[in-house]
Every structure is written in C-alpha cells, then in structure tokens.
Amino acid sequence: MTAITINIPTHEVNFFKKMISKMGWVYEITDVVTRPATAKEKRLDKIDHAFGQLRQMKDGKLQGVAAEDLLNEL
C-alpha cells in the first residue's frame, strides 16, 4: 500500500472524504503544523540540491558549464 499526503483547504475536506469513500480508499485526517526551516536545514537542502545536480550530470541528464565560461561572465 502507498500513502499519499495532500494539503487541501478546510472547506474542501467533505468533498474529498466523499470522493475517497466512493472509491473504497482509506483516509486519515491529520493537522499539519509547519515551522520555518532552520539555517542548518537550509544549508543541508542546498547541499542536497548540489549533489542532486552532480548526480544528474553524471547520468547525462544535466550538462555542466566550464569554470572558464563562468568566470568570463563575471
């Protein structure tokens, strides 16, 4: 089984509950509490993004730019 989380406006909850019930699916309602990311989390996200780009370059899905070209643009 796979779980999918969607955030919907409160006034739409009843519509989705009815739709999910008609499809025979199971749902669970939880309150979402968010907090701003800490500075450490932001840095880790940037590092994760950079490694993701490196993986894409390695797999040939993203083309890199030569350092010389970057310096010439400055």
N, C-alpha and C. Protein backbone atom coordinates (compact mmCIF):
# COMPACT_ATOMS: atom_id res chain seq x y z
N MET A 1 0.84 -1.18 0.00
CA MET A 1 0.00 0.00 0.00
C MET A 1 0.88 1.24 0.00
N THR A 2 0.43 2.27 -0.66
CA THR A 2 1.17 3.53 -0.73
C THR A 2 0.35 4.63 -0.07
N ALA A 3 1.01 5.49 0.67
CA ALA A 3 0.35 6.63 1.31
C ALA A 3 0.68 7.88 0.52
N ILE A 4 -0.32 8.71 0.30
CA ILE A 4 -0.15 9.99 -0.39
C ILE A 4 -0.68 11.08 0.53
N THR A 5 0.08 12.13 0.69
CA THR A 5 -0.34 13.25 1.52
C THR A 5 -0.68 14.42 0.62
N ILE A 6 -1.87 15.00 0.81
CA ILE A 6 -2.25 16.20 0.07
C ILE A 6 -2.75 17.24 1.07
N ASN A 7 -2.45 18.47 0.79
CA ASN A 7 -2.94 19.57 1.63
C ASN A 7 -4.08 20.23 0.88
N ILE A 8 -5.24 20.27 1.51
CA ILE A 8 -6.41 20.86 0.88
C ILE A 8 -7.02 21.89 1.82
N PRO A 9 -7.74 22.86 1.26
CA PRO A 9 -8.41 23.85 2.11
C PRO A 9 -9.46 23.17 2.99
N THR A 10 -9.64 23.67 4.17
CA THR A 10 -10.58 23.08 5.12
C THR A 10 -11.98 22.96 4.54
N HIS A 11 -12.40 23.94 3.75
CA HIS A 11 -13.76 23.90 3.23
C HIS A 11 -13.96 22.82 2.16
N GLU A 12 -12.89 22.18 1.69
CA GLU A 12 -12.97 21.12 0.69
C GLU A 12 -12.88 19.72 1.29
N VAL A 13 -12.69 19.62 2.60
CA VAL A 13 -12.47 18.32 3.23
C VAL A 13 -13.64 17.37 2.98
N ASN A 14 -14.86 17.83 3.15
CA ASN A 14 -16.01 16.95 2.98
C ASN A 14 -16.09 16.38 1.56
N PHE A 15 -15.80 17.19 0.56
CA PHE A 15 -15.82 16.72 -0.82
C PHE A 15 -14.83 15.57 -1.00
N PHE A 16 -13.60 15.76 -0.50
CA PHE A 16 -12.58 14.73 -0.65
C PHE A 16 -12.93 13.47 0.14
N LYS A 17 -13.50 13.64 1.33
CA LYS A 17 -13.90 12.47 2.12
C LYS A 17 -14.93 11.64 1.37
N LYS A 18 -15.91 12.29 0.75
CA LYS A 18 -16.93 11.58 -0.01
C LYS A 18 -16.31 10.88 -1.22
N MET A 19 -15.45 11.58 -1.94
CA MET A 19 -14.81 11.01 -3.12
C MET A 19 -13.97 9.79 -2.76
N ILE A 20 -13.20 9.89 -1.69
CA ILE A 20 -12.34 8.80 -1.26
C ILE A 20 -13.17 7.60 -0.83
N SER A 21 -14.26 7.85 -0.11
CA SER A 21 -15.14 6.76 0.33
C SER A 21 -15.77 6.04 -0.85
N LYS A 22 -16.19 6.79 -1.87
CA LYS A 22 -16.80 6.17 -3.06
C LYS A 22 -15.82 5.28 -3.80
N MET A 23 -14.54 5.61 -3.73
CA MET A 23 -13.52 4.81 -4.41
C MET A 23 -13.06 3.62 -3.58
N GLY A 24 -13.53 3.52 -2.36
CA GLY A 24 -13.16 2.41 -1.49
C GLY A 24 -11.79 2.56 -0.85
N TRP A 25 -11.28 3.77 -0.85
CA TRP A 25 -9.98 4.02 -0.26
C TRP A 25 -10.13 4.33 1.22
N VAL A 26 -9.01 4.32 1.92
CA VAL A 26 -8.98 4.64 3.35
C VAL A 26 -8.30 5.99 3.52
N TYR A 27 -8.82 6.82 4.41
CA TYR A 27 -8.19 8.12 4.63
C TYR A 27 -8.00 8.36 6.12
N GLU A 28 -7.05 9.21 6.40
CA GLU A 28 -6.78 9.62 7.76
C GLU A 28 -6.56 11.12 7.75
N ILE A 29 -7.24 11.82 8.61
CA ILE A 29 -7.11 13.28 8.66
C ILE A 29 -6.15 13.64 9.79
N THR A 30 -5.15 14.45 9.47
CA THR A 30 -4.21 14.94 10.47
C THR A 30 -4.04 16.43 10.29
N ASP A 31 -3.75 17.10 11.37
CA ASP A 31 -3.47 18.53 11.30
C ASP A 31 -2.02 18.72 10.88
N VAL A 32 -1.79 19.69 10.05
CA VAL A 32 -0.44 19.99 9.58
C VAL A 32 0.09 21.19 10.35
N VAL A 33 1.24 20.99 10.95
CA VAL A 33 1.89 22.07 11.67
C VAL A 33 3.25 22.26 11.01
N THR A 34 3.48 23.46 10.52
CA THR A 34 4.76 23.74 9.88
C THR A 34 5.53 24.77 10.67
N ARG A 35 6.81 24.72 10.51
CA ARG A 35 7.68 25.71 11.14
C ARG A 35 8.71 26.14 10.12
N PRO A 36 9.24 27.31 10.25
CA PRO A 36 10.26 27.75 9.31
C PRO A 36 11.51 26.87 9.42
N ALA A 37 12.17 26.67 8.31
CA ALA A 37 13.40 25.88 8.31
C ALA A 37 14.50 26.62 9.05
N THR A 38 15.30 25.86 9.76
CA THR A 38 16.43 26.47 10.47
C THR A 38 17.54 26.75 9.45
N ALA A 39 18.52 27.52 9.87
CA ALA A 39 19.65 27.83 8.99
C ALA A 39 20.39 26.56 8.60
N LYS A 40 20.51 25.63 9.54
CA LYS A 40 21.18 24.37 9.25
C LYS A 40 20.41 23.56 8.20
N GLU A 41 19.09 23.52 8.34
CA GLU A 41 18.25 22.79 7.38
C GLU A 41 18.35 23.41 5.99
N LYS A 42 18.40 24.74 5.92
CA LYS A 42 18.54 25.41 4.63
C LYS A 42 19.87 25.07 3.97
N ARG A 43 20.94 25.05 4.77
CA ARG A 43 22.26 24.68 4.23
C ARG A 43 22.25 23.25 3.73
N LEU A 44 21.66 22.35 4.51
CA LEU A 44 21.60 20.94 4.11
C LEU A 44 20.77 20.76 2.84
N ASP A 45 19.70 21.54 2.70
CA ASP A 45 18.89 21.49 1.48
C ASP A 45 19.70 21.93 0.27
N LYS A 46 20.51 22.99 0.45
CA LYS A 46 21.35 23.47 -0.66
C LYS A 46 22.40 22.43 -1.04
N ILE A 47 22.99 21.79 -0.04
CA ILE A 47 23.98 20.74 -0.31
C ILE A 47 23.33 19.57 -1.01
N ASP A 48 22.15 19.17 -0.55
CA ASP A 48 21.42 18.07 -1.18
C ASP A 48 21.08 18.41 -2.64
N HIS A 49 20.69 19.65 -2.88
CA HIS A 49 20.38 20.09 -4.24
C HIS A 49 21.63 20.01 -5.13
N ALA A 50 22.76 20.45 -4.59
CA ALA A 50 24.01 20.41 -5.34
C ALA A 50 24.39 18.98 -5.70
N PHE A 51 24.28 18.06 -4.74
CA PHE A 51 24.60 16.66 -5.02
C PHE A 51 23.61 16.07 -6.02
N GLY A 52 22.36 16.50 -5.97
CA GLY A 52 21.38 16.05 -6.95
C GLY A 52 21.77 16.48 -8.36
N GLN A 53 22.25 17.72 -8.48
CA GLN A 53 22.71 18.20 -9.78
C GLN A 53 23.94 17.42 -10.25
N LEU A 54 24.85 17.10 -9.33
CA LEU A 54 26.02 16.31 -9.70
C LEU A 54 25.61 14.92 -10.21
N ARG A 55 24.62 14.31 -9.54
CA ARG A 55 24.12 13.01 -9.99
C ARG A 55 23.53 13.11 -11.39
N GLN A 56 22.78 14.19 -11.64
CA GLN A 56 22.19 14.38 -12.96
C GLN A 56 23.27 14.56 -14.02
N MET A 57 24.33 15.30 -13.69
CA MET A 57 25.44 15.48 -14.64
C MET A 57 26.11 14.14 -14.92
N LYS A 58 26.32 13.35 -13.87
CA LYS A 58 26.95 12.04 -14.03
C LYS A 58 26.11 11.13 -14.92
N ASP A 59 24.78 11.22 -14.77
CA ASP A 59 23.87 10.38 -15.57
C ASP A 59 23.60 10.95 -16.95
N GLY A 60 24.17 12.11 -17.26
CA GLY A 60 23.99 12.73 -18.56
C GLY A 60 22.66 13.45 -18.73
N LYS A 61 21.97 13.70 -17.63
CA LYS A 61 20.67 14.37 -17.69
C LYS A 61 20.80 15.89 -17.57
N LEU A 62 21.97 16.34 -17.16
CA LEU A 62 22.21 17.77 -16.98
C LEU A 62 23.62 18.07 -17.48
N GLN A 63 23.74 19.13 -18.25
CA GLN A 63 25.05 19.48 -18.79
C GLN A 63 25.69 20.54 -17.91
N GLY A 64 26.94 20.33 -17.57
CA GLY A 64 27.67 21.28 -16.74
C GLY A 64 28.18 22.45 -17.55
N VAL A 65 28.69 23.46 -16.86
CA VAL A 65 29.26 24.64 -17.50
C VAL A 65 30.73 24.72 -17.08
N ALA A 66 31.58 24.99 -18.03
CA ALA A 66 33.01 25.10 -17.75
C ALA A 66 33.27 26.28 -16.82
N ALA A 67 34.21 26.09 -15.90
CA ALA A 67 34.56 27.15 -14.93
C ALA A 67 35.03 28.41 -15.66
N GLU A 68 35.76 28.23 -16.76
CA GLU A 68 36.25 29.38 -17.52
C GLU A 68 35.08 30.21 -18.05
N ASP A 69 34.03 29.55 -18.52
CA ASP A 69 32.86 30.26 -19.02
C ASP A 69 32.17 31.05 -17.90
N LEU A 70 32.11 30.44 -16.72
CA LEU A 70 31.51 31.14 -15.58
C LEU A 70 32.30 32.38 -15.22
N LEU A 71 33.63 32.27 -15.20
CA LEU A 71 34.47 33.41 -14.87
C LEU A 71 34.38 34.51 -15.92
N ASN A 72 34.25 34.11 -17.19
CA ASN A 72 34.11 35.11 -18.25
C ASN A 72 32.82 35.91 -18.12
N GLU A 73 31.79 35.28 -17.57
CA GLU A 73 30.52 36.00 -17.40
C GLU A 73 30.59 37.03 -16.29
N LEU A 74 31.53 36.86 -15.37
CA LEU A 74 31.68 37.83 -14.29
C LEU A 74 32.29 39.09 -14.83
